[in-house]
């Protein structure tokens, strides 16, 4: 029981970490594309 509880907590922590990394990556990706487009337009 304790193991499953710990495993569940670890899984939740992993999911939240993945979500944060995904957000950071998306923001960085959009920012990079925005800069790239600005350079092309100029």
Protein backbone atom coordinates (compact mmCIF):
# COMPACT_ATOMS: atom_id res chain seq x y z
CA UNK A 1 0.00 0.00 0.00
CA UNK A 2 2.81 2.38 0.94
CA UNK A 3 4.68 1.49 -2.24
CA UNK A 4 1.72 2.28 -4.49
CA UNK A 5 1.17 5.56 -2.66
CA UNK A 6 4.81 6.52 -3.16
CA UNK A 7 4.68 5.37 -6.78
CA UNK A 8 1.57 7.48 -7.37
CA UNK A 9 3.26 10.53 -5.85
CA UNK A 10 6.33 9.98 -8.01
CA UNK A 11 4.11 9.64 -11.08
CA UNK A 12 2.32 12.89 -10.24
CA UNK A 13 5.64 14.64 -9.72
CA UNK A 14 6.88 13.31 -13.06
CA UNK A 15 3.70 14.48 -14.81
CA UNK A 16 3.93 17.99 -13.36
CA UNK A 17 7.62 18.19 -14.27
CA UNK A 18 6.84 17.05 -17.81
CA UNK A 19 4.04 19.63 -18.04
CA UNK A 20 6.35 22.44 -16.91
CA UNK A 21 9.06 21.35 -19.35
CA UNK A 22 6.45 21.19 -22.12
CA UNK A 23 5.29 24.73 -21.33
CA UNK A 24 8.86 26.05 -21.24
CA UNK A 25 9.65 24.30 -24.52
CA UNK A 26 6.49 25.66 -26.18
CA UNK A 27 7.22 29.21 -25.02
CA UNK A 28 10.83 28.95 -26.19
CA UNK A 29 9.72 27.44 -29.51
CA UNK A 30 7.15 30.18 -30.15
CA UNK A 31 9.66 32.86 -29.14
CA UNK A 32 12.31 31.41 -31.46
CA UNK A 33 9.83 31.26 -34.37
CA UNK A 34 8.71 34.83 -33.62
CA UNK A 35 12.30 36.09 -33.69
CA UNK A 36 12.99 34.10 -36.86
CA UNK A 37 9.93 35.59 -38.59
CA UNK A 38 10.90 39.09 -37.46
CA UNK A 39 14.37 38.60 -38.94
CA UNK A 40 12.88 37.31 -42.21
CA UNK A 41 10.40 40.23 -42.40
CA UNK A 42 13.15 42.77 -41.77
